[in-house]
Amino acid sequence: ELRTPGTVYTFAVGAKAKLPEFVKYQTEGLLQGVKYDPKDVPEGTALYIAACATCHGVPGVDKGGNIRNLGYVPAEEITKLKDIVFNGPFRERGMPDFTDKLKEEDVVK
C-alpha cells in the first residue's frame, strides 16, 4: 500500500528526468550508528529544520514530507551527505543545490 501526504512535482526547463518511484513510508529502523558531538545537536537541529524538514520530515516525529524521511536511511548514506547536499546527484529529481545556502562544516559535523 502506498501512502503519501501528497505529491509535489518539481520541474526543470528542458530536463528529461523520470519521476521517482513511489515507495511505502518507512517507519521502522530509525537511523543509528552515526557519530556526532552532542554539542552540535542544537545547531544541527535548527539547520535541518530550516533546510531539510520541509521535504524530508522530522526523524522520529513524522513520516516525512514529499521525499524519504532521512531518519530512516542507512548510516552509510549519512556519511555521503556532503556529496548529496553540494554535488547534486538528486538535482534532476528536484533537490536544490545548497552550495550557497549551507557551509561544508555545517554538513560534515
N, C-alpha and C. Protein backbone atom coordinates (compact mmCIF):
# COMPACT_ATOMS: atom_id res chain seq x y z
N GLU A 1 0.85 -1.18 0.00
CA GLU A 1 0.00 0.00 0.00
C GLU A 1 0.89 1.24 0.00
N LEU A 2 0.59 2.15 -0.87
CA LEU A 2 1.35 3.39 -0.95
C LEU A 2 0.63 4.47 -0.18
N ARG A 3 1.36 5.17 0.66
CA ARG A 3 0.77 6.26 1.44
C ARG A 3 1.64 7.49 1.27
N THR A 4 1.04 8.56 0.87
CA THR A 4 1.79 9.80 0.74
C THR A 4 0.94 10.94 1.27
N PRO A 5 1.60 12.00 1.77
CA PRO A 5 0.84 13.16 2.21
C PRO A 5 0.41 14.01 1.02
N GLY A 6 0.82 13.64 -0.14
CA GLY A 6 0.55 14.38 -1.36
C GLY A 6 1.77 14.25 -2.25
N THR A 7 1.67 14.73 -3.42
CA THR A 7 2.79 14.64 -4.34
C THR A 7 3.14 16.03 -4.82
N VAL A 8 4.40 16.36 -4.74
CA VAL A 8 4.89 17.64 -5.23
C VAL A 8 5.81 17.35 -6.41
N TYR A 9 5.49 17.91 -7.55
CA TYR A 9 6.32 17.73 -8.73
C TYR A 9 7.16 18.98 -8.93
N THR A 10 8.45 18.79 -9.13
CA THR A 10 9.36 19.89 -9.38
C THR A 10 9.88 19.73 -10.80
N PHE A 11 9.79 20.78 -11.58
CA PHE A 11 10.19 20.71 -12.97
C PHE A 11 11.39 21.61 -13.24
N ALA A 12 12.25 21.17 -14.13
CA ALA A 12 13.35 21.99 -14.62
C ALA A 12 13.15 22.14 -16.12
N VAL A 13 13.24 23.35 -16.61
CA VAL A 13 13.04 23.61 -18.03
C VAL A 13 14.06 22.80 -18.83
N GLY A 14 13.57 22.03 -19.77
CA GLY A 14 14.44 21.23 -20.64
C GLY A 14 14.90 19.91 -20.05
N ALA A 15 14.57 19.62 -18.81
CA ALA A 15 15.02 18.37 -18.19
C ALA A 15 14.18 17.20 -18.68
N LYS A 16 14.76 16.02 -18.65
CA LYS A 16 14.07 14.84 -19.14
C LYS A 16 14.10 13.70 -18.12
N ALA A 17 14.28 14.04 -16.86
CA ALA A 17 14.35 13.01 -15.82
C ALA A 17 13.00 12.35 -15.61
N LYS A 18 13.04 11.07 -15.26
CA LYS A 18 11.82 10.34 -14.95
C LYS A 18 11.37 10.69 -13.54
N LEU A 19 10.09 10.54 -13.29
CA LEU A 19 9.58 10.76 -11.95
C LEU A 19 10.11 9.67 -11.02
N PRO A 20 10.33 9.99 -9.76
CA PRO A 20 10.81 8.96 -8.83
C PRO A 20 9.74 7.91 -8.58
N GLU A 21 10.18 6.74 -8.18
CA GLU A 21 9.25 5.67 -7.82
C GLU A 21 8.55 6.04 -6.52
N PHE A 22 7.29 5.70 -6.43
CA PHE A 22 6.58 5.88 -5.17
C PHE A 22 6.90 4.69 -4.28
N VAL A 23 7.19 4.96 -3.04
CA VAL A 23 7.57 3.90 -2.10
C VAL A 23 6.71 3.98 -0.85
N LYS A 24 6.65 2.88 -0.14
CA LYS A 24 5.93 2.87 1.13
C LYS A 24 6.68 3.73 2.13
N TYR A 25 5.92 4.30 3.04
CA TYR A 25 6.56 5.00 4.14
C TYR A 25 7.36 4.00 4.95
N GLN A 26 8.55 4.37 5.32
CA GLN A 26 9.36 3.54 6.19
C GLN A 26 9.28 4.14 7.58
N THR A 27 8.74 3.40 8.51
CA THR A 27 8.59 3.93 9.87
C THR A 27 9.24 3.01 10.90
N GLU A 28 10.13 2.16 10.45
CA GLU A 28 10.89 1.35 11.38
C GLU A 28 12.36 1.45 11.00
N GLY A 29 13.23 1.10 11.92
CA GLY A 29 14.66 1.17 11.64
C GLY A 29 15.19 2.58 11.70
N LEU A 30 14.83 3.33 12.74
CA LEU A 30 15.32 4.70 12.89
C LEU A 30 16.84 4.72 12.85
N LEU A 31 17.40 5.68 12.17
CA LEU A 31 18.83 5.83 11.95
C LEU A 31 19.63 5.65 13.24
N GLN A 32 20.68 4.84 13.17
CA GLN A 32 21.57 4.61 14.31
C GLN A 32 23.00 4.49 13.80
N GLY A 33 23.95 4.68 14.70
CA GLY A 33 25.35 4.42 14.37
C GLY A 33 26.10 5.57 13.74
N VAL A 34 25.51 6.75 13.67
CA VAL A 34 26.21 7.91 13.12
C VAL A 34 26.89 8.63 14.27
N LYS A 35 28.20 8.83 14.15
CA LYS A 35 28.94 9.51 15.21
C LYS A 35 28.70 11.01 15.12
N TYR A 36 28.53 11.63 16.28
CA TYR A 36 28.31 13.07 16.33
C TYR A 36 28.73 13.59 17.69
N ASP A 37 28.92 14.89 17.75
CA ASP A 37 29.25 15.56 19.01
C ASP A 37 27.96 16.14 19.56
N PRO A 38 27.55 15.75 20.76
CA PRO A 38 26.29 16.25 21.32
C PRO A 38 26.18 17.77 21.35
N LYS A 39 27.30 18.48 21.43
CA LYS A 39 27.23 19.94 21.46
C LYS A 39 26.75 20.52 20.13
N ASP A 40 26.83 19.73 19.04
CA ASP A 40 26.39 20.21 17.73
C ASP A 40 24.90 19.98 17.48
N VAL A 41 24.23 19.26 18.38
CA VAL A 41 22.83 18.90 18.15
C VAL A 41 21.90 20.12 18.03
N PRO A 42 21.95 21.11 18.92
CA PRO A 42 21.02 22.24 18.76
C PRO A 42 21.18 22.97 17.43
N GLU A 43 22.42 23.27 17.04
CA GLU A 43 22.64 23.96 15.77
C GLU A 43 22.26 23.06 14.59
N GLY A 44 22.62 21.79 14.67
CA GLY A 44 22.28 20.86 13.59
C GLY A 44 20.78 20.69 13.43
N THR A 45 20.08 20.65 14.55
CA THR A 45 18.61 20.55 14.50
C THR A 45 18.02 21.77 13.81
N ALA A 46 18.50 22.94 14.17
CA ALA A 46 17.99 24.17 13.55
C ALA A 46 18.27 24.19 12.05
N LEU A 47 19.46 23.77 11.64
CA LEU A 47 19.80 23.72 10.21
C LEU A 47 18.90 22.73 9.48
N TYR A 48 18.70 21.56 10.08
CA TYR A 48 17.86 20.54 9.45
C TYR A 48 16.42 21.04 9.29
N ILE A 49 15.89 21.64 10.33
CA ILE A 49 14.51 22.15 10.27
C ILE A 49 14.41 23.23 9.18
N ALA A 50 15.40 24.11 9.10
CA ALA A 50 15.36 25.21 8.13
C ALA A 50 15.58 24.73 6.70
N ALA A 51 16.46 23.75 6.48
CA ALA A 51 16.86 23.40 5.12
C ALA A 51 16.30 22.07 4.61
N CYS A 52 15.92 21.16 5.51
CA CYS A 52 15.62 19.80 5.07
C CYS A 52 14.21 19.30 5.42
N ALA A 53 13.70 19.71 6.57
CA ALA A 53 12.48 19.11 7.10
C ALA A 53 11.25 19.31 6.22
N THR A 54 11.19 20.39 5.47
CA THR A 54 10.02 20.62 4.62
C THR A 54 9.81 19.45 3.66
N CYS A 55 10.89 18.95 3.10
CA CYS A 55 10.78 17.83 2.16
C CYS A 55 10.96 16.47 2.84
N HIS A 56 11.91 16.38 3.77
CA HIS A 56 12.28 15.08 4.34
C HIS A 56 11.59 14.75 5.65
N GLY A 57 10.91 15.69 6.27
CA GLY A 57 10.23 15.42 7.53
C GLY A 57 11.16 15.46 8.72
N VAL A 58 10.59 15.26 9.90
CA VAL A 58 11.34 15.28 11.14
C VAL A 58 11.52 13.84 11.62
N PRO A 59 12.77 13.35 11.65
CA PRO A 59 13.00 11.96 12.05
C PRO A 59 12.40 11.63 13.41
N GLY A 60 11.71 10.51 13.47
CA GLY A 60 11.12 10.05 14.71
C GLY A 60 9.85 10.77 15.11
N VAL A 61 9.44 11.78 14.33
CA VAL A 61 8.25 12.56 14.67
C VAL A 61 7.15 12.35 13.64
N ASP A 62 7.51 12.45 12.36
CA ASP A 62 6.51 12.28 11.32
C ASP A 62 7.05 11.38 10.22
N LYS A 63 6.25 11.15 9.22
CA LYS A 63 6.62 10.23 8.15
C LYS A 63 7.42 10.91 7.05
N GLY A 64 7.63 12.18 7.16
CA GLY A 64 8.37 12.89 6.13
C GLY A 64 7.44 13.72 5.28
N GLY A 65 8.06 14.56 4.48
CA GLY A 65 7.29 15.37 3.56
C GLY A 65 7.06 14.57 2.29
N ASN A 66 7.37 15.17 1.16
CA ASN A 66 7.15 14.50 -0.11
C ASN A 66 8.32 13.63 -0.53
N ILE A 67 9.39 13.59 0.26
CA ILE A 67 10.59 12.82 -0.04
C ILE A 67 10.92 11.96 1.18
N ARG A 68 11.71 10.94 0.98
CA ARG A 68 12.09 10.00 2.04
C ARG A 68 12.56 10.71 3.32
N ASN A 69 12.07 10.24 4.46
CA ASN A 69 12.47 10.77 5.76
C ASN A 69 13.89 10.31 6.05
N LEU A 70 14.80 11.25 6.26
CA LEU A 70 16.21 10.92 6.46
C LEU A 70 16.48 10.21 7.77
N GLY A 71 15.52 10.17 8.65
CA GLY A 71 15.69 9.45 9.91
C GLY A 71 15.69 7.94 9.74
N TYR A 72 15.34 7.47 8.54
CA TYR A 72 15.25 6.04 8.30
C TYR A 72 16.19 5.55 7.20
N VAL A 73 17.17 6.36 6.83
CA VAL A 73 18.13 5.92 5.82
C VAL A 73 19.27 5.18 6.50
N PRO A 74 19.99 4.33 5.77
CA PRO A 74 21.15 3.66 6.36
C PRO A 74 22.23 4.68 6.75
N ALA A 75 22.97 4.38 7.80
CA ALA A 75 24.03 5.29 8.28
C ALA A 75 25.04 5.60 7.18
N GLU A 76 25.29 4.65 6.27
CA GLU A 76 26.26 4.87 5.19
C GLU A 76 25.84 6.05 4.30
N GLU A 77 24.54 6.24 4.12
CA GLU A 77 24.07 7.36 3.30
C GLU A 77 24.35 8.69 3.97
N ILE A 78 24.29 8.73 5.28
CA ILE A 78 24.56 9.98 6.00
C ILE A 78 26.04 10.35 5.86
N THR A 79 26.92 9.36 5.75
CA THR A 79 28.34 9.66 5.58
C THR A 79 28.61 10.30 4.22
N LYS A 80 27.70 10.17 3.27
CA LYS A 80 27.84 10.77 1.93
C LYS A 80 27.07 12.08 1.81
N LEU A 81 26.60 12.59 2.92
CA LEU A 81 25.71 13.75 2.91
C LEU A 81 26.31 14.97 2.21
N LYS A 82 27.60 15.21 2.42
CA LYS A 82 28.25 16.37 1.79
C LYS A 82 28.10 16.30 0.27
N ASP A 83 28.35 15.14 -0.31
CA ASP A 83 28.24 15.00 -1.76
C ASP A 83 26.80 15.18 -2.23
N ILE A 84 25.86 14.69 -1.45
CA ILE A 84 24.45 14.81 -1.83
C ILE A 84 24.00 16.26 -1.76
N VAL A 85 24.37 16.95 -0.70
CA VAL A 85 23.92 18.32 -0.48
C VAL A 85 24.57 19.31 -1.45
N PHE A 86 25.87 19.11 -1.74
CA PHE A 86 26.59 20.09 -2.55
C PHE A 86 26.82 19.68 -4.00
N ASN A 87 26.86 18.41 -4.30
CA ASN A 87 27.16 17.99 -5.67
C ASN A 87 25.93 17.63 -6.47
N GLY A 88 24.78 17.62 -5.82
CA GLY A 88 23.51 17.50 -6.50
C GLY A 88 23.19 16.25 -7.29
N PRO A 89 23.48 15.02 -6.77
CA PRO A 89 23.10 13.84 -7.55
C PRO A 89 21.59 13.69 -7.70
N PHE A 90 20.81 14.37 -6.87
CA PHE A 90 19.36 14.29 -6.97
C PHE A 90 18.75 15.56 -7.54
N ARG A 91 19.58 16.41 -8.09
CA ARG A 91 19.10 17.68 -8.66
C ARG A 91 18.09 17.43 -9.78
N GLU A 92 18.32 16.40 -10.59
CA GLU A 92 17.39 16.10 -11.69
C GLU A 92 16.02 15.69 -11.17
N ARG A 93 15.97 15.27 -9.91
CA ARG A 93 14.69 14.89 -9.30
C ARG A 93 14.08 16.04 -8.50
N GLY A 94 14.72 17.21 -8.54
CA GLY A 94 14.15 18.38 -7.90
C GLY A 94 14.80 18.83 -6.62
N MET A 95 15.83 18.11 -6.14
CA MET A 95 16.50 18.54 -4.91
C MET A 95 17.36 19.76 -5.21
N PRO A 96 17.20 20.81 -4.41
CA PRO A 96 18.01 22.01 -4.66
C PRO A 96 19.47 21.80 -4.30
N ASP A 97 20.33 22.60 -4.89
CA ASP A 97 21.75 22.62 -4.56
C ASP A 97 21.92 23.60 -3.40
N PHE A 98 22.54 23.17 -2.33
CA PHE A 98 22.67 24.00 -1.14
C PHE A 98 24.03 24.70 -1.04
N THR A 99 24.78 24.74 -2.14
CA THR A 99 26.11 25.32 -2.12
C THR A 99 26.12 26.74 -1.57
N ASP A 100 25.18 27.57 -1.95
CA ASP A 100 25.15 28.95 -1.48
C ASP A 100 24.30 29.15 -0.22
N LYS A 101 23.76 28.06 0.31
CA LYS A 101 22.87 28.18 1.46
C LYS A 101 23.45 27.59 2.75
N LEU A 102 24.28 26.56 2.61
CA LEU A 102 24.89 25.91 3.76
C LEU A 102 26.40 25.90 3.61
N LYS A 103 27.09 25.81 4.74
CA LYS A 103 28.55 25.70 4.72
C LYS A 103 28.94 24.24 4.89
N GLU A 104 30.06 23.86 4.29
CA GLU A 104 30.50 22.47 4.36
C GLU A 104 30.66 22.01 5.81
N GLU A 105 31.21 22.87 6.67
CA GLU A 105 31.41 22.45 8.06
C GLU A 105 30.09 22.19 8.79
N ASP A 106 29.01 22.78 8.32
CA ASP A 106 27.70 22.50 8.92
C ASP A 106 27.20 21.11 8.54
N VAL A 107 27.55 20.67 7.36
CA VAL A 107 27.05 19.39 6.86
C VAL A 107 27.89 18.22 7.34
N VAL A 108 29.17 18.41 7.53
CA VAL A 108 30.05 17.29 7.88
C VAL A 108 30.25 17.10 9.38
N LYS A 109 29.64 17.91 10.21
CA LYS A 109 29.78 17.75 11.67
C LYS A 109 29.24 16.42 12.12
